[in-house]
N, C-alpha and C. Protein backbone atom coordinates (compact mmCIF):
# COMPACT_ATOMS: atom_id res chain seq x y z
N MET A 1 -109.20 151.24 -91.38
CA MET A 1 -108.91 152.21 -89.66
C MET A 1 -108.30 151.11 -89.21
N LYS A 2 -108.84 149.71 -88.26
CA LYS A 2 -108.73 149.70 -87.21
C LYS A 2 -106.84 148.97 -87.02
N TYR A 3 -106.80 148.79 -88.85
CA TYR A 3 -105.03 148.18 -88.91
C TYR A 3 -103.80 149.39 -88.64
N LEU A 4 -104.37 150.58 -88.91
CA LEU A 4 -104.03 151.87 -89.77
C LEU A 4 -103.72 152.21 -87.54
N THR A 5 -104.76 152.16 -87.03
CA THR A 5 -105.05 152.88 -85.82
C THR A 5 -103.30 151.49 -84.54
N LEU A 6 -103.98 150.48 -85.35
CA LEU A 6 -102.88 148.84 -84.60
C LEU A 6 -101.30 149.93 -84.61
N ILE A 7 -101.56 149.92 -86.06
CA ILE A 7 -99.68 150.03 -86.79
C ILE A 7 -99.00 151.62 -85.91
N VAL A 8 -100.22 152.77 -85.80
CA VAL A 8 -99.80 154.06 -85.51
C VAL A 8 -99.56 153.98 -83.78
N ILE A 9 -100.02 152.60 -83.11
CA ILE A 9 -99.58 152.55 -81.67
C ILE A 9 -98.98 151.55 -81.57
N CYS A 10 -98.47 150.42 -82.36
CA CYS A 10 -97.59 149.77 -82.22
C CYS A 10 -95.76 149.86 -82.83
N VAL A 11 -95.83 151.60 -83.52
CA VAL A 11 -94.79 152.41 -83.57
C VAL A 11 -94.79 153.26 -82.74
N LEU A 12 -95.55 153.86 -82.37
CA LEU A 12 -95.25 154.60 -81.26
C LEU A 12 -94.81 154.08 -79.33
N ALA A 13 -95.17 152.81 -79.69
CA ALA A 13 -95.04 151.98 -78.54
C ALA A 13 -92.99 151.71 -78.94
N PHE A 14 -93.58 151.31 -79.51
CA PHE A 14 -91.20 150.54 -80.44
C PHE A 14 -90.52 151.86 -80.14
N GLY A 15 -91.39 152.91 -80.66
CA GLY A 15 -90.26 154.76 -80.84
C GLY A 15 -90.47 154.83 -79.34
N CYS A 16 -91.49 154.81 -78.56
CA CYS A 16 -91.21 155.14 -76.81
C CYS A 16 -89.97 154.01 -76.62
N ASN A 17 -89.66 152.89 -76.61
CA ASN A 17 -89.46 151.59 -75.55
C ASN A 17 -87.89 152.23 -76.28
N ASN A 18 -87.88 152.32 -77.52
CA ASN A 18 -86.39 152.45 -77.81
C ASN A 18 -85.91 154.39 -77.32
N ASN A 19 -86.88 155.12 -77.18
CA ASN A 19 -86.12 156.22 -76.84
C ASN A 19 -85.63 156.24 -75.52
N SER A 20 -86.96 155.33 -74.96
CA SER A 20 -86.33 154.99 -73.51
C SER A 20 -84.97 153.95 -73.21
N ILE A 21 -84.46 153.05 -74.19
CA ILE A 21 -83.77 152.13 -73.88
C ILE A 21 -82.14 153.27 -73.76
N GLN A 22 -82.07 154.20 -75.15
CA GLN A 22 -81.16 155.14 -75.10
C GLN A 22 -80.90 155.95 -74.06
N LYS A 23 -81.98 156.28 -73.34
CA LYS A 23 -82.06 157.32 -72.50
C LYS A 23 -81.45 156.65 -71.33
N THR A 24 -81.15 155.16 -71.29
CA THR A 24 -80.93 154.90 -70.12
C THR A 24 -79.59 154.15 -70.45
N ASN A 25 -79.26 154.57 -71.91
CA ASN A 25 -77.58 153.90 -72.06
C ASN A 25 -76.95 155.33 -71.47
N GLU A 26 -77.46 155.96 -71.92
CA GLU A 26 -76.80 157.51 -71.35
C GLU A 26 -75.95 157.95 -70.32
N THR A 27 -77.76 157.39 -69.07
CA THR A 27 -78.01 158.04 -68.02
C THR A 27 -76.01 156.45 -67.69
N ASP A 28 -75.93 155.79 -67.90
CA ASP A 28 -75.40 154.86 -67.61
C ASP A 28 -73.52 155.62 -68.15
N GLN A 29 -73.58 155.79 -69.13
CA GLN A 29 -72.74 156.72 -69.73
C GLN A 29 -72.43 157.63 -68.87
N LEU A 30 -73.26 158.29 -68.77
CA LEU A 30 -73.01 159.57 -67.19
C LEU A 30 -72.39 158.84 -66.22
N LEU A 31 -72.19 158.48 -65.42
CA LEU A 31 -72.52 158.52 -64.15
C LEU A 31 -70.86 157.65 -64.01
N ALA A 32 -70.80 156.72 -65.23
CA ALA A 32 -69.18 156.19 -65.93
C ALA A 32 -68.04 157.19 -65.45
N LYS A 33 -68.53 158.19 -66.25
CA LYS A 33 -67.81 159.27 -67.14
C LYS A 33 -67.70 160.17 -65.36
N ILE A 34 -69.12 159.96 -64.11
CA ILE A 34 -68.59 161.10 -63.16
C ILE A 34 -68.12 159.81 -61.91
N LYS A 35 -68.02 158.62 -62.17
CA LYS A 35 -67.39 157.38 -61.33
C LYS A 35 -65.42 157.80 -61.82
N LEU A 36 -65.45 158.25 -62.72
CA LEU A 36 -63.88 158.32 -63.75
C LEU A 36 -63.45 159.38 -62.85
N LEU A 37 -64.69 160.37 -62.76
CA LEU A 37 -63.79 162.06 -63.11
C LEU A 37 -62.95 161.83 -61.14
N GLU A 38 -64.25 161.26 -60.77
CA GLU A 38 -64.29 161.50 -58.65
C GLU A 38 -63.32 161.01 -58.49
N GLU A 39 -62.86 159.78 -59.11
CA GLU A 39 -61.22 158.94 -58.83
C GLU A 39 -60.10 160.07 -59.31
N GLN A 40 -60.29 160.05 -60.88
CA GLN A 40 -59.24 161.65 -61.07
C GLN A 40 -58.97 162.62 -60.12
N ASN A 41 -59.94 162.75 -59.52
CA ASN A 41 -60.50 164.39 -58.10
C ASN A 41 -59.09 163.63 -57.23
N GLN A 42 -60.10 162.39 -57.19
CA GLN A 42 -59.31 161.83 -55.81
C GLN A 42 -57.20 161.55 -56.03
N LYS A 43 -57.13 161.45 -56.91
CA LYS A 43 -55.95 161.10 -57.15
C LYS A 43 -55.07 162.59 -57.03
N LEU A 44 -55.49 163.55 -57.73
CA LEU A 44 -54.37 164.25 -57.53
C LEU A 44 -55.29 165.72 -56.38
N LYS A 45 -55.84 165.27 -55.37
CA LYS A 45 -56.09 165.52 -54.63
C LYS A 45 -54.33 165.23 -53.50
N ASP A 46 -54.85 163.64 -53.78
CA ASP A 46 -53.88 163.15 -52.66
C ASP A 46 -52.45 163.54 -53.95
N SER A 47 -52.30 163.41 -54.85
CA SER A 47 -50.63 164.15 -55.55
C SER A 47 -50.57 165.29 -54.51
N ILE A 48 -51.20 166.21 -54.23
CA ILE A 48 -51.35 167.24 -53.80
C ILE A 48 -50.99 168.04 -52.83
N SER A 49 -51.84 166.86 -51.75
CA SER A 49 -51.14 166.59 -49.85
C SER A 49 -49.70 166.25 -50.16
N ARG A 50 -49.15 164.64 -51.01
CA ARG A 50 -47.59 164.28 -50.67
C ARG A 50 -47.49 165.93 -51.59
N ASP A 51 -47.12 166.56 -52.37
CA ASP A 51 -46.29 167.55 -53.21
C ASP A 51 -45.86 168.54 -51.41
N GLN A 52 -47.31 169.04 -50.90
CA GLN A 52 -47.00 169.87 -49.98
C GLN A 52 -46.20 169.47 -48.36
N MET A 53 -46.75 167.92 -48.21
CA MET A 53 -45.77 167.30 -47.46
C MET A 53 -44.33 167.04 -47.52
N ASP A 54 -44.18 166.48 -48.85
CA ASP A 54 -43.15 166.25 -49.59
C ASP A 54 -42.27 168.11 -49.85
N PHE A 55 -42.63 168.66 -49.53
CA PHE A 55 -42.18 171.02 -49.35
C PHE A 55 -41.61 170.89 -48.09
N LEU A 56 -42.28 170.48 -46.89
CA LEU A 56 -42.41 170.86 -45.58
C LEU A 56 -41.38 169.70 -45.20
N HIS A 57 -40.88 168.66 -45.52
CA HIS A 57 -39.82 168.01 -45.27
C HIS A 57 -38.70 168.42 -45.57
N SER A 58 -38.42 169.31 -46.85
CA SER A 58 -37.63 169.47 -47.36
C SER A 58 -36.65 171.03 -46.69
N GLN A 59 -37.55 171.73 -46.19
CA GLN A 59 -37.74 172.96 -45.48
C GLN A 59 -35.90 172.92 -44.85
N ILE A 60 -35.39 173.88 -44.31
CA ILE A 60 -33.83 174.15 -43.66
C ILE A 60 -33.81 174.92 -43.16
N LEU A 61 -33.33 175.75 -42.09
CA LEU A 61 -33.41 176.31 -40.94
C LEU A 61 -31.61 177.87 -41.95
N ILE A 62 -31.74 178.88 -42.07
CA ILE A 62 -30.78 179.73 -41.83
C ILE A 62 -30.62 180.52 -41.00
N GLY A 63 -29.27 180.60 -40.76
CA GLY A 63 -30.01 182.07 -39.72
C GLY A 63 -28.29 182.88 -39.93
N ILE A 64 -28.52 184.05 -39.56
CA ILE A 64 -27.90 184.83 -39.97
C ILE A 64 -28.05 185.92 -39.56
N SER A 65 -26.33 186.19 -38.48
CA SER A 65 -26.00 186.94 -37.29
C SER A 65 -25.90 188.84 -38.07
N ASP A 66 -26.82 189.34 -36.37
CA ASP A 66 -26.67 190.93 -37.61
C ASP A 66 -25.27 191.51 -37.34
N ASP A 67 -23.85 190.90 -36.75
CA ASP A 67 -23.01 190.95 -36.51
C ASP A 67 -22.25 189.96 -37.16
N GLU A 68 -20.72 190.15 -36.85
CA GLU A 68 -19.86 189.23 -38.01
C GLU A 68 -19.77 188.23 -36.47
N VAL A 69 -19.08 189.57 -36.18
CA VAL A 69 -17.94 188.82 -34.76
C VAL A 69 -19.16 189.08 -33.06
N LEU A 70 -19.78 187.85 -32.57
CA LEU A 70 -20.14 188.02 -31.24
C LEU A 70 -20.01 187.82 -30.25
N LYS A 71 -20.32 188.43 -29.26
CA LYS A 71 -19.52 189.15 -27.52
C LYS A 71 -20.11 187.79 -26.70
N VAL A 72 -19.19 187.37 -25.98
CA VAL A 72 -20.06 186.87 -24.85
C VAL A 72 -20.57 187.71 -23.86
N GLY A 73 -21.87 187.17 -23.50
CA GLY A 73 -22.19 187.90 -22.56
C GLY A 73 -23.31 189.10 -23.12
N LYS A 74 -23.18 189.41 -24.42
CA LYS A 74 -24.13 190.58 -25.05
C LYS A 74 -25.13 189.85 -25.64
N LYS A 75 -26.41 190.34 -26.25
CA LYS A 75 -27.61 190.13 -26.70
C LYS A 75 -27.32 189.90 -27.91
N ASN A 76 -27.50 189.24 -29.02
CA ASN A 76 -27.35 189.29 -30.31
C ASN A 76 -28.71 188.76 -31.27
N ASN A 77 -29.01 189.47 -32.37
CA ASN A 77 -30.09 189.12 -33.04
C ASN A 77 -30.11 188.37 -33.56
N ILE A 78 -29.56 187.39 -34.00
CA ILE A 78 -30.11 186.68 -35.42
C ILE A 78 -30.85 186.11 -36.19
N VAL A 79 -31.11 186.54 -37.45
CA VAL A 79 -32.39 186.18 -38.36
C VAL A 79 -32.36 185.13 -38.68
N MET A 80 -33.69 184.43 -38.67
CA MET A 80 -33.63 182.77 -39.12
C MET A 80 -34.24 183.35 -40.15
N LEU A 81 -34.03 182.46 -41.47
CA LEU A 81 -35.37 181.95 -42.99
C LEU A 81 -35.20 180.30 -42.56
N VAL A 82 -36.47 180.22 -43.04
CA VAL A 82 -37.12 178.82 -43.51
C VAL A 82 -36.44 179.40 -45.08
N HIS A 83 -36.26 177.62 -45.19
CA HIS A 83 -35.48 178.40 -46.75
C HIS A 83 -36.55 178.12 -47.81
N THR A 84 -36.69 179.38 -48.15
CA THR A 84 -38.43 178.60 -48.99
C THR A 84 -38.36 180.21 -49.02
N TYR A 85 -39.72 180.45 -50.40
CA TYR A 85 -39.24 182.39 -50.10
C TYR A 85 -40.85 182.67 -50.43
N ASN A 86 -41.72 183.84 -49.50
CA ASN A 86 -42.92 183.80 -50.23
C ASN A 86 -43.15 182.70 -50.22
N ARG A 87 -43.86 182.10 -49.50
CA ARG A 87 -44.77 181.08 -49.70
C ARG A 87 -45.66 181.04 -48.14
N GLU A 88 -45.89 180.64 -47.89
CA GLU A 88 -47.24 180.27 -46.81
C GLU A 88 -47.05 179.33 -45.96
N LEU A 89 -46.36 178.95 -44.72
CA LEU A 89 -46.32 178.23 -43.58
C LEU A 89 -47.84 177.78 -42.91
N PRO A 90 -48.27 176.52 -42.62
CA PRO A 90 -48.34 176.27 -41.23
C PRO A 90 -47.84 176.41 -40.64
N LYS A 91 -48.70 177.25 -39.07
CA LYS A 91 -48.12 176.97 -38.31
C LYS A 91 -47.23 176.82 -37.09
N TYR A 92 -46.17 177.47 -36.68
CA TYR A 92 -45.53 176.24 -36.51
C TYR A 92 -44.82 176.35 -34.93
N GLU A 93 -44.19 175.79 -34.00
CA GLU A 93 -43.63 176.33 -32.89
C GLU A 93 -41.68 176.88 -33.13
N ILE A 94 -41.32 177.47 -32.25
CA ILE A 94 -39.74 177.72 -31.91
C ILE A 94 -39.05 177.01 -31.05
N TYR A 95 -38.38 176.54 -31.36
CA TYR A 95 -37.47 175.54 -30.29
C TYR A 95 -36.51 176.08 -30.06
N THR A 96 -35.50 175.94 -28.78
CA THR A 96 -33.90 176.02 -28.78
C THR A 96 -33.82 174.61 -28.14
N VAL A 97 -32.47 174.29 -28.65
CA VAL A 97 -31.82 173.33 -27.43
C VAL A 97 -30.64 173.78 -25.94
N VAL A 98 -31.16 173.15 -25.03
CA VAL A 98 -30.48 174.11 -23.89
C VAL A 98 -29.89 173.14 -22.86
N ASP A 99 -28.73 171.91 -22.69
CA ASP A 99 -28.28 171.48 -22.71
C ASP A 99 -29.07 170.31 -22.68
N ASN A 100 -29.47 169.39 -23.74
CA ASN A 100 -30.41 169.03 -23.76
C ASN A 100 -31.55 168.99 -23.35
N LYS A 101 -32.08 170.00 -23.38
CA LYS A 101 -33.53 169.94 -23.22
C LYS A 101 -34.06 171.41 -24.35
N GLU A 102 -35.42 170.72 -24.84
CA GLU A 102 -36.88 171.36 -26.28
C GLU A 102 -37.16 172.52 -24.69
N ILE A 103 -37.01 173.61 -24.98
CA ILE A 103 -37.24 174.21 -24.44
C ILE A 103 -38.10 175.46 -26.15
N LYS A 104 -39.78 175.81 -25.64
CA LYS A 104 -40.33 176.56 -26.96
C LYS A 104 -39.38 177.67 -26.29
N ILE A 105 -40.23 178.63 -27.85
CA ILE A 105 -39.18 180.38 -27.73
C ILE A 105 -40.41 181.01 -28.45
N GLY A 106 -41.36 180.42 -29.19
CA GLY A 106 -42.01 180.71 -30.12
C GLY A 106 -42.96 180.68 -30.98
N GLU A 107 -43.81 180.94 -31.64
CA GLU A 107 -44.83 179.94 -32.54
C GLU A 107 -44.60 181.20 -33.85
N ASN A 108 -44.41 180.72 -35.11
CA ASN A 108 -44.41 182.15 -36.12
C ASN A 108 -45.09 181.10 -37.45
N ASN A 109 -45.43 181.70 -38.23
CA ASN A 109 -46.30 180.79 -39.42
C ASN A 109 -45.20 181.65 -40.86
N GLN A 110 -44.22 182.61 -40.54
CA GLN A 110 -43.87 183.67 -42.05
C GLN A 110 -42.63 182.15 -41.88
N THR A 111 -41.64 183.02 -42.81
CA THR A 111 -40.41 182.48 -43.73
C THR A 111 -39.13 183.24 -42.92
N ARG A 112 -39.56 183.92 -42.32
CA ARG A 112 -38.35 185.22 -41.32
C ARG A 112 -39.39 185.22 -39.64
N PHE A 113 -37.81 184.96 -39.17
CA PHE A 113 -38.14 185.45 -37.54
C PHE A 113 -36.90 185.65 -36.77
N ASN A 114 -36.71 186.42 -36.05
CA ASN A 114 -35.35 186.42 -35.43
C ASN A 114 -35.28 185.73 -33.86
N PHE A 115 -33.97 185.48 -33.52
CA PHE A 115 -34.23 184.90 -32.84
C PHE A 115 -32.86 185.54 -31.79
N GLU A 116 -33.09 185.93 -30.29
CA GLU A 116 -32.30 186.49 -29.56
C GLU A 116 -31.13 185.49 -29.26
N PHE A 117 -29.89 185.41 -29.48
CA PHE A 117 -28.99 184.67 -28.72
C PHE A 117 -28.16 185.72 -27.36
N ILE A 118 -27.75 185.03 -26.74
CA ILE A 118 -26.47 185.20 -25.78
C ILE A 118 -25.44 183.80 -25.22
N PRO A 119 -24.21 184.42 -26.35
CA PRO A 119 -23.27 183.23 -25.75
C PRO A 119 -23.15 183.59 -24.30
N LYS A 120 -22.90 181.81 -23.85
CA LYS A 120 -22.11 181.89 -22.43
C LYS A 120 -20.36 182.06 -22.30
N SER A 121 -20.34 181.61 -23.25
CA SER A 121 -19.13 182.31 -23.71
C SER A 121 -18.85 181.06 -25.33
N VAL A 122 -17.28 181.44 -25.38
CA VAL A 122 -16.71 181.59 -26.51
C VAL A 122 -16.87 180.42 -27.21
N GLU A 123 -16.93 179.21 -26.40
CA GLU A 123 -17.69 178.13 -26.87
C GLU A 123 -18.58 177.53 -27.32
N ASP A 124 -19.45 178.43 -26.27
CA ASP A 124 -21.17 178.65 -26.82
C ASP A 124 -20.89 179.54 -28.07
N ASN A 125 -21.14 178.76 -29.50
CA ASN A 125 -20.96 178.91 -30.33
C ASN A 125 -21.83 178.50 -31.59
N SER A 126 -22.66 177.35 -31.31
CA SER A 126 -23.36 175.95 -31.91
C SER A 126 -24.52 176.29 -31.68
N PRO A 127 -25.33 177.32 -31.27
CA PRO A 127 -26.86 176.99 -30.76
C PRO A 127 -27.69 176.13 -32.12
N GLU A 128 -28.49 175.56 -31.48
CA GLU A 128 -29.36 174.26 -31.70
C GLU A 128 -30.82 175.45 -32.25
N ILE A 129 -31.46 174.87 -32.61
CA ILE A 129 -32.73 175.60 -32.82
C ILE A 129 -33.55 174.76 -33.95
N PHE A 130 -34.55 174.09 -33.56
CA PHE A 130 -36.07 173.72 -35.34
C PHE A 130 -37.49 174.45 -33.86
N LEU A 131 -37.79 173.84 -36.05
CA LEU A 131 -39.00 174.00 -35.45
C LEU A 131 -39.94 172.69 -35.93
N LYS A 132 -41.21 173.06 -35.32
CA LYS A 132 -42.29 172.19 -35.16
C LYS A 132 -43.32 172.31 -35.68
N MET A 133 -43.80 171.51 -36.49
CA MET A 133 -45.26 172.21 -37.52
C MET A 133 -46.09 170.83 -37.79
N GLN A 134 -47.21 171.03 -37.29
CA GLN A 134 -48.59 169.16 -37.05
C GLN A 134 -49.25 170.07 -39.02
N TYR A 135 -48.66 169.13 -39.32
CA TYR A 135 -49.48 168.83 -41.13
C TYR A 135 -50.09 167.57 -41.21
N LYS A 136 -51.45 167.64 -41.10
CA LYS A 136 -52.37 166.49 -41.35
C LYS A 136 -51.55 165.53 -40.36
N GLY A 137 -51.78 165.30 -39.17
CA GLY A 137 -51.59 165.05 -37.66
C GLY A 137 -50.36 164.24 -38.39
N GLU A 138 -49.22 164.46 -38.85
CA GLU A 138 -48.27 164.42 -38.45
C GLU A 138 -47.37 165.68 -37.74
N THR A 139 -45.92 164.99 -37.72
CA THR A 139 -45.69 166.30 -37.11
C THR A 139 -43.98 166.62 -37.66
N ILE A 140 -43.72 167.58 -37.67
CA ILE A 140 -42.77 167.67 -39.05
C ILE A 140 -41.90 168.38 -38.46
N LYS A 141 -40.11 168.63 -38.59
CA LYS A 141 -39.19 169.24 -37.26
C LYS A 141 -38.28 169.39 -38.67
N ILE A 142 -38.12 170.60 -38.44
CA ILE A 142 -37.24 171.15 -39.83
C ILE A 142 -36.49 171.30 -38.84
N PRO A 143 -34.95 171.03 -38.66
CA PRO A 143 -33.43 171.30 -37.92
C PRO A 143 -32.77 172.37 -38.26
N GLY A 144 -32.52 173.25 -37.62
CA GLY A 144 -31.20 174.18 -37.33
C GLY A 144 -30.42 174.24 -36.86
N LYS A 145 -28.61 174.03 -37.07
CA LYS A 145 -27.98 174.14 -36.44
C LYS A 145 -26.86 175.75 -37.15
N LEU A 146 -26.42 176.52 -35.82
CA LEU A 146 -25.86 177.66 -36.55
C LEU A 146 -24.40 177.89 -36.02
N LEU A 147 -23.46 178.26 -37.05
CA LEU A 147 -21.77 177.81 -36.42
C LEU A 147 -21.56 179.30 -36.27
N LEU A 148 -21.58 179.87 -35.48
CA LEU A 148 -21.13 181.46 -34.59
C LEU A 148 -19.87 181.93 -34.07
N LYS A 149 -19.27 182.61 -34.82
CA LYS A 149 -17.80 182.86 -34.43
C LYS A 149 -17.96 183.70 -33.06
N VAL A 150 -17.89 183.78 -31.95
CA VAL A 150 -17.70 184.23 -30.56
C VAL A 150 -16.29 184.92 -30.08
N GLU A 151 -16.40 186.19 -29.41
CA GLU A 151 -15.30 186.22 -28.52
C GLU A 151 -15.42 187.12 -27.65
N LYS A 152 -14.24 187.40 -26.38
CA LYS A 152 -14.87 188.13 -25.04
C LYS A 152 -14.71 189.07 -25.74
C-alpha cells in the first residue's frame, strides 16, 4: 500500500509539473503574439498617418468666378475649392497676398469657401490665395493662384 501511495504521489507530482511547464510555454507564446500584434498595429497607425499627410500635401486650390469677366472696382465672388471631394479637412486659415504681405481673411474646414475679390485695375487679374493648416505639429501650406479676365 505504501508503494501504491508513493506511485500515485509521483504520478500526480510529475503530471502537475508537466502541466505547469505547458502553461508557461502557452503564456510565452501568447506574450510573443501580443508583442507582434502591437508592432503591426503601430506600423498601421504610422502608415495611416503618412497617408493623411501625403493627402494634405497633394491638395491644390481651384477658383471659379461667378462672372466670366470681372469689372474694375466691382466686388466679385469667387468660389474656392480644395481639390478633393466630400472629405473632412483639418481646420485651416485662409490668406491672401497683397503687396507681398500675407493677410488672413478667414478660417474653415470645408472643401469649399467663397473669396470676395475687387480688382483695382485691369492688371489686377491674378490674386494669390493660400491655406495654412496644422497637422501633427507640421504647418501645411496649400497654394492657389487665380488668373482672371478683368475689364474696365
